[in-house]
PDB file of all heavy atoms in Angstrom:
ATOM      1  N   ARG A   1       0.838  -1.211   0.000  1.00  0.00           N
ATOM      2  CA  ARG A   1       0.000   0.000   0.000  1.00  0.00           C
ATOM      3  C   ARG A   1       0.871   1.259   0.000  1.00  0.00           C
ATOM      4  O   ARG A   1       0.511   2.289   0.575  1.00  0.00           O
ATOM      5  CB  ARG A   1      -0.971  -0.009   1.192  1.00  0.00           C
ATOM      6  CG  ARG A   1      -1.851  -1.236   1.213  1.00  0.00           C
ATOM      7  CD  ARG A   1      -2.797  -1.272   2.391  1.00  0.00           C
ATOM      8  NE  ARG A   1      -2.123  -1.441   3.672  1.00  0.00           N
ATOM      9  CZ  ARG A   1      -1.617  -2.583   4.124  1.00  0.00           C
ATOM     10  NH1 ARG A   1      -1.650  -3.670   3.372  1.00  0.00           N
ATOM     11  NH2 ARG A   1      -1.043  -2.648   5.309  1.00  0.00           N
ATOM     12  N   ALA A   2       2.017   1.155  -0.630  1.00  0.00           N
ATOM     13  CA  ALA A   2       2.954   2.273  -0.689  1.00  0.00           C
ATOM     14  C   ALA A   2       2.453   3.323  -1.676  1.00  0.00           C
ATOM     15  O   ALA A   2       2.107   2.990  -2.810  1.00  0.00           O
ATOM     16  CB  ALA A   2       4.335   1.783  -1.102  1.00  0.00           C
ATOM     17  N   PRO A   3       2.426   4.581  -1.290  1.00  0.00           N
ATOM     18  CA  PRO A   3       1.986   5.635  -2.213  1.00  0.00           C
ATOM     19  C   PRO A   3       3.065   6.036  -3.214  1.00  0.00           C
ATOM     20  O   PRO A   3       2.857   6.927  -4.025  1.00  0.00           O
ATOM     21  CB  PRO A   3       1.653   6.793  -1.266  1.00  0.00           C
ATOM     22  CG  PRO A   3       2.569   6.589  -0.095  1.00  0.00           C
ATOM     23  CD  PRO A   3       2.718   5.100   0.069  1.00  0.00           C
ATOM     24  N   ALA A   4       4.214   5.396  -3.162  1.00  0.00           N
ATOM     25  CA  ALA A   4       5.350   5.783  -3.987  1.00  0.00           C
ATOM     26  C   ALA A   4       5.148   5.396  -5.448  1.00  0.00           C
ATOM     27  O   ALA A   4       4.355   4.515  -5.782  1.00  0.00           O
ATOM     28  CB  ALA A   4       6.626   5.134  -3.451  1.00  0.00           C
ATOM     29  N   VAL A   5       5.896   6.057  -6.326  1.00  0.00           N
ATOM     30  CA  VAL A   5       5.933   5.699  -7.742  1.00  0.00           C
ATOM     31  C   VAL A   5       6.869   4.499  -7.896  1.00  0.00           C
ATOM     32  O   VAL A   5       8.056   4.592  -7.561  1.00  0.00           O
ATOM     33  CB  VAL A   5       6.427   6.871  -8.601  1.00  0.00           C
ATOM     34  CG1 VAL A   5       6.580   6.451 -10.065  1.00  0.00           C
ATOM     35  CG2 VAL A   5       5.464   8.050  -8.491  1.00  0.00           C
ATOM     36  N   PRO A   6       6.392   3.353  -8.391  1.00  0.00           N
ATOM     37  CA  PRO A   6       7.244   2.171  -8.501  1.00  0.00           C
ATOM     38  C   PRO A   6       8.123   2.196  -9.745  1.00  0.00           C
ATOM     39  O   PRO A   6       7.656   2.468 -10.848  1.00  0.00           O
ATOM     40  CB  PRO A   6       6.234   1.014  -8.567  1.00  0.00           C
ATOM     41  CG  PRO A   6       4.974   1.622  -9.090  1.00  0.00           C
ATOM     42  CD  PRO A   6       4.972   3.064  -8.676  1.00  0.00           C
ATOM     43  N   VAL A   7       9.402   1.912  -9.533  1.00  0.00           N
ATOM     44  CA  VAL A   7      10.377   1.803 -10.621  1.00  0.00           C
ATOM     45  C   VAL A   7      11.111   0.481 -10.445  1.00  0.00           C
ATOM     46  O   VAL A   7      11.554   0.153  -9.345  1.00  0.00           O
ATOM     47  CB  VAL A   7      11.388   2.963 -10.608  1.00  0.00           C
ATOM     48  CG1 VAL A   7      12.422   2.795 -11.719  1.00  0.00           C
ATOM     49  CG2 VAL A   7      10.686   4.312 -10.727  1.00  0.00           C
ATOM     50  N   THR A   8      11.253  -0.278 -11.521  1.00  0.00           N
ATOM     51  CA  THR A   8      11.995  -1.534 -11.495  1.00  0.00           C
ATOM     52  C   THR A   8      13.256  -1.394 -12.330  1.00  0.00           C
ATOM     53  O   THR A   8      13.193  -0.958 -13.475  1.00  0.00           O
ATOM     54  CB  THR A   8      11.153  -2.694 -12.063  1.00  0.00           C
ATOM     55  OG1 THR A   8       9.958  -2.825 -11.299  1.00  0.00           O
ATOM     56  CG2 THR A   8      11.919  -4.002 -12.013  1.00  0.00           C
ATOM     57  N   PHE A   9      14.401  -1.739 -11.729  1.00  0.00           N
ATOM     58  CA  PHE A   9      15.620  -1.862 -12.512  1.00  0.00           C
ATOM     59  C   PHE A   9      15.786  -3.337 -12.821  1.00  0.00           C
ATOM     60  O   PHE A   9      15.965  -4.168 -11.931  1.00  0.00           O
ATOM     61  CB  PHE A   9      16.840  -1.349 -11.754  1.00  0.00           C
ATOM     62  CG  PHE A   9      18.118  -1.446 -12.559  1.00  0.00           C
ATOM     63  CD1 PHE A   9      18.427  -0.482 -13.500  1.00  0.00           C
ATOM     64  CD2 PHE A   9      18.989  -2.518 -12.383  1.00  0.00           C
ATOM     65  CE1 PHE A   9      19.589  -0.576 -14.262  1.00  0.00           C
ATOM     66  CE2 PHE A   9      20.147  -2.618 -13.140  1.00  0.00           C
ATOM     67  CZ  PHE A   9      20.452  -1.646 -14.078  1.00  0.00           C
ATOM     68  N   THR A  10      15.697  -3.691 -14.111  1.00  0.00           N
ATOM     69  CA  THR A  10      15.733  -5.089 -14.504  1.00  0.00           C
ATOM     70  C   THR A  10      16.915  -5.353 -15.425  1.00  0.00           C
ATOM     71  O   THR A  10      16.948  -4.899 -16.560  1.00  0.00           O
ATOM     72  CB  THR A  10      14.393  -5.531 -15.137  1.00  0.00           C
ATOM     73  OG1 THR A  10      14.534  -6.848 -15.679  1.00  0.00           O
ATOM     74  CG2 THR A  10      13.898  -4.567 -16.189  1.00  0.00           C
ATOM     75  N   TRP A  11      17.889  -6.053 -14.889  1.00  0.00           N
ATOM     76  CA  TRP A  11      19.083  -6.396 -15.632  1.00  0.00           C
ATOM     77  C   TRP A  11      18.836  -7.671 -16.446  1.00  0.00           C
ATOM     78  O   TRP A  11      17.807  -8.321 -16.310  1.00  0.00           O
ATOM     79  CB  TRP A  11      20.267  -6.547 -14.677  1.00  0.00           C
ATOM     80  CG  TRP A  11      19.979  -7.321 -13.432  1.00  0.00           C
ATOM     81  CD1 TRP A  11      19.425  -6.854 -12.272  1.00  0.00           C
ATOM     82  CD2 TRP A  11      20.193  -8.719 -13.223  1.00  0.00           C
ATOM     83  NE1 TRP A  11      19.293  -7.863 -11.357  1.00  0.00           N
ATOM     84  CE2 TRP A  11      19.762  -9.032 -11.907  1.00  0.00           C
ATOM     85  CE3 TRP A  11      20.724  -9.740 -14.000  1.00  0.00           C
ATOM     86  CZ2 TRP A  11      19.833 -10.313 -11.373  1.00  0.00           C
ATOM     87  CZ3 TRP A  11      20.800 -11.031 -13.473  1.00  0.00           C
ATOM     88  CH2 TRP A  11      20.366 -11.296 -12.175  1.00  0.00           C
ATOM     89  N   ALA A  12      19.818  -8.056 -17.269  1.00  0.00           N
ATOM     90  CA  ALA A  12      19.580  -9.099 -18.268  1.00  0.00           C
ATOM     91  C   ALA A  12      19.699 -10.508 -17.684  1.00  0.00           C
ATOM     92  O   ALA A  12      20.707 -11.190 -17.847  1.00  0.00           O
ATOM     93  CB  ALA A  12      20.543  -8.941 -19.440  1.00  0.00           C
ATOM     94  N   SER A  13      18.656 -10.941 -17.011  1.00  0.00           N
ATOM     95  CA  SER A  13      18.558 -12.328 -16.559  1.00  0.00           C
ATOM     96  C   SER A  13      17.856 -13.143 -17.647  1.00  0.00           C
ATOM     97  O   SER A  13      16.861 -12.698 -18.215  1.00  0.00           O
ATOM     98  CB  SER A  13      17.757 -12.412 -15.260  1.00  0.00           C
ATOM     99  OG  SER A  13      17.398 -13.742 -14.972  1.00  0.00           O
ATOM    100  N   ARG A  14      18.357 -14.334 -17.914  1.00  0.00           N
ATOM    101  CA  ARG A  14      17.745 -15.186 -18.928  1.00  0.00           C
ATOM    102  C   ARG A  14      16.536 -15.952 -18.392  1.00  0.00           C
ATOM    103  O   ARG A  14      15.836 -16.623 -19.157  1.00  0.00           O
ATOM    104  CB  ARG A  14      18.771 -16.179 -19.480  1.00  0.00           C
ATOM    105  CG  ARG A  14      19.715 -15.545 -20.502  1.00  0.00           C
ATOM    106  CD  ARG A  14      20.695 -16.562 -21.054  1.00  0.00           C
ATOM    107  NE  ARG A  14      21.477 -15.974 -22.150  1.00  0.00           N
ATOM    108  CZ  ARG A  14      22.649 -16.451 -22.563  1.00  0.00           C
ATOM    109  NH1 ARG A  14      23.178 -17.506 -21.975  1.00  0.00           N
ATOM    110  NH2 ARG A  14      23.286 -15.869 -23.556  1.00  0.00           N
ATOM    111  N   GLY A  15      16.277 -15.876 -17.096  1.00  0.00           N
ATOM    112  CA  GLY A  15      15.125 -16.582 -16.557  1.00  0.00           C
ATOM    113  C   GLY A  15      15.249 -18.084 -16.679  1.00  0.00           C
ATOM    114  O   GLY A  15      14.297 -18.769 -17.037  1.00  0.00           O
ATOM    115  N   ASP A  16      16.434 -18.600 -16.362  1.00  0.00           N
ATOM    116  CA  ASP A  16      16.710 -20.029 -16.508  1.00  0.00           C
ATOM    117  C   ASP A  16      17.559 -20.463 -15.320  1.00  0.00           C
ATOM    118  O   ASP A  16      18.623 -19.895 -15.060  1.00  0.00           O
ATOM    119  CB  ASP A  16      17.456 -20.277 -17.822  1.00  0.00           C
ATOM    120  CG  ASP A  16      17.646 -21.755 -18.132  1.00  0.00           C
ATOM    121  OD1 ASP A  16      17.721 -22.562 -17.190  1.00  0.00           O
ATOM    122  OD2 ASP A  16      17.734 -22.097 -19.325  1.00  0.00           O
ATOM    123  N   ALA A  17      17.101 -21.489 -14.591  1.00  0.00           N
ATOM    124  CA  ALA A  17      17.802 -21.940 -13.396  1.00  0.00           C
ATOM    125  C   ALA A  17      19.205 -22.448 -13.678  1.00  0.00           C
ATOM    126  O   ALA A  17      20.030 -22.539 -12.775  1.00  0.00           O
ATOM    127  CB  ALA A  17      16.987 -23.031 -12.697  1.00  0.00           C
ATOM    128  N   LEU A  18      19.501 -22.793 -14.934  1.00  0.00           N
ATOM    129  CA  LEU A  18      20.819 -23.290 -15.283  1.00  0.00           C
ATOM    130  C   LEU A  18      21.752 -22.195 -15.803  1.00  0.00           C
ATOM    131  O   LEU A  18      22.851 -22.489 -16.261  1.00  0.00           O
ATOM    132  CB  LEU A  18      20.700 -24.401 -16.338  1.00  0.00           C
ATOM    133  CG  LEU A  18      19.865 -25.616 -15.933  1.00  0.00           C
ATOM    134  CD1 LEU A  18      19.894 -26.660 -17.029  1.00  0.00           C
ATOM    135  CD2 LEU A  18      20.364 -26.206 -14.620  1.00  0.00           C
ATOM    136  N   GLN A  19      21.318 -20.939 -15.718  1.00  0.00           N
ATOM    137  CA  GLN A  19      22.108 -19.824 -16.241  1.00  0.00           C
ATOM    138  C   GLN A  19      22.624 -18.925 -15.112  1.00  0.00           C
ATOM    139  O   GLN A  19      22.693 -17.707 -15.240  1.00  0.00           O
ATOM    140  CB  GLN A  19      21.264 -19.004 -17.220  1.00  0.00           C
ATOM    141  CG  GLN A  19      20.891 -19.744 -18.485  1.00  0.00           C
ATOM    142  CD  GLN A  19      22.065 -19.913 -19.428  1.00  0.00           C
ATOM    143  OE1 GLN A  19      22.981 -19.104 -19.445  1.00  0.00           O
ATOM    144  NE2 GLN A  19      22.055 -20.985 -20.213  1.00  0.00           N
ATOM    145  N   TYR A  20      23.016 -19.537 -14.005  1.00  0.00           N
ATOM    146  CA  TYR A  20      23.444 -18.775 -12.832  1.00  0.00           C
ATOM    147  C   TYR A  20      24.660 -17.898 -13.146  1.00  0.00           C
ATOM    148  O   TYR A  20      24.691 -16.720 -12.785  1.00  0.00           O
ATOM    149  CB  TYR A  20      23.771 -19.735 -11.684  1.00  0.00           C
ATOM    150  CG  TYR A  20      24.114 -19.055 -10.383  1.00  0.00           C
ATOM    151  CD1 TYR A  20      23.116 -18.725  -9.463  1.00  0.00           C
ATOM    152  CD2 TYR A  20      25.431 -18.738 -10.067  1.00  0.00           C
ATOM    153  CE1 TYR A  20      23.428 -18.100  -8.269  1.00  0.00           C
ATOM    154  CE2 TYR A  20      25.752 -18.107  -8.876  1.00  0.00           C
ATOM    155  CZ  TYR A  20      24.746 -17.797  -7.984  1.00  0.00           C
ATOM    156  OH  TYR A  20      25.064 -17.169  -6.797  1.00  0.00           O
ATOM    157  N   VAL A  21      25.661 -18.467 -13.814  1.00  0.00           N
ATOM    158  CA  VAL A  21      26.874 -17.699 -14.100  1.00  0.00           C
ATOM    159  C   VAL A  21      26.578 -16.560 -15.070  1.00  0.00           C
ATOM    160  O   VAL A  21      27.057 -15.430 -14.887  1.00  0.00           O
ATOM    161  CB  VAL A  21      27.979 -18.618 -14.650  1.00  0.00           C
ATOM    162  CG1 VAL A  21      29.195 -17.803 -15.069  1.00  0.00           C
ATOM    163  CG2 VAL A  21      28.381 -19.650 -13.594  1.00  0.00           C
ATOM    164  N   TYR A  22      25.783 -16.835 -16.105  1.00  0.00           N
ATOM    165  CA  TYR A  22      25.403 -15.776 -17.044  1.00  0.00           C
ATOM    166  C   TYR A  22      24.689 -14.645 -16.300  1.00  0.00           C
ATOM    167  O   TYR A  22      24.998 -13.462 -16.493  1.00  0.00           O
ATOM    168  CB  TYR A  22      24.487 -16.334 -18.131  1.00  0.00           C
ATOM    169  CG  TYR A  22      23.919 -15.260 -19.040  1.00  0.00           C
ATOM    170  CD1 TYR A  22      24.614 -14.819 -20.162  1.00  0.00           C
ATOM    171  CD2 TYR A  22      22.673 -14.670 -18.769  1.00  0.00           C
ATOM    172  CE1 TYR A  22      24.105 -13.819 -20.979  1.00  0.00           C
ATOM    173  CE2 TYR A  22      22.158 -13.679 -19.589  1.00  0.00           C
ATOM    174  CZ  TYR A  22      22.874 -13.255 -20.691  1.00  0.00           C
ATOM    175  OH  TYR A  22      22.361 -12.267 -21.486  1.00  0.00           O
ATOM    176  N   ASP A  23      23.728 -14.999 -15.448  1.00  0.00           N
ATOM    177  CA  ASP A  23      22.996 -13.976 -14.712  1.00  0.00           C
ATOM    178  C   ASP A  23      23.913 -13.171 -13.801  1.00  0.00           C
ATOM    179  O   ASP A  23      23.802 -11.935 -13.715  1.00  0.00           O
ATOM    180  CB  ASP A  23      21.882 -14.626 -13.876  1.00  0.00           C
ATOM    181  CG  ASP A  23      20.605 -14.834 -14.663  1.00  0.00           C
ATOM    182  OD1 ASP A  23      20.657 -14.833 -15.911  1.00  0.00           O
ATOM    183  OD2 ASP A  23      19.532 -15.010 -14.031  1.00  0.00           O
ATOM    184  N   ASN A  24      24.824 -13.847 -13.119  1.00  0.00           N
ATOM    185  CA  ASN A  24      25.740 -13.145 -12.231  1.00  0.00           C
ATOM    186  C   ASN A  24      26.597 -12.148 -13.004  1.00  0.00           C
ATOM    187  O   ASN A  24      26.799 -11.003 -12.567  1.00  0.00           O
ATOM    188  CB  ASN A  24      26.627 -14.162 -11.506  1.00  0.00           C
ATOM    189  CG  ASN A  24      27.512 -13.511 -10.457  1.00  0.00           C
ATOM    190  OD1 ASN A  24      28.666 -13.196 -10.713  1.00  0.00           O
ATOM    191  ND2 ASN A  24      26.968 -13.304  -9.271  1.00  0.00           N
TER     192      ASN A  24
END
């Protein structure tokens, strides 16, 4: 219930459990 303006910083994750090193 935050009145703040939401901003997401989204870096390049491949969304794959086997891509840990790539995501890091």
